[in-house]
Amino acid sequence: LTAAAAAACEAASSAGLPLLQAEGEAAVCEAAEEARAALVEEVAELDPDGEVADLFLAEEAVPAATLAAAIRQLALCSAAVPTLCGASLRGVGVEPLLDAVAAYLPSAEERPAPLLSPAGGGGGEGGGGEG
């Protein structure tokens, strides 16, 4: 159906709330729940010592905030790359993409300082030496 319907399904599911569904929405909610379960399992495998892994192994529900924090930590240490799909020409998925950039990727202050070599330092590509 729509991304909003899938988000509502995920929010209700992660909160443990029942959700009344129309016929067409049932398949979307089921697909969203399966995708979320696969995401939780993957995050648990990538960070076996984390909170998501503990909840997954205990077969407990993983809160959305806990999952988002774990994904952010995996992205910050380059263990995972959050991937989203969309169509910018039609404006589909642009807002979730921008939200994901803000939520999961490091800010300028969180990135390490770049390693710089002196200008004209010689060897290597783009090193500024004579060629």
Foldseek 3Di string as FASTA:
>chain_A
DAPVLLVVLVQCVLVVHDDDDDPVSVVSSVVSVVVVLVLLVVLCVLCVPDPSVVCVVVVHRDHPVRSLVSQQVCVLVVVDDDDDDADVVVPGPPVVVVVCCVRRPDDPVSDDDDDDDDACPDDDPPNNHDD
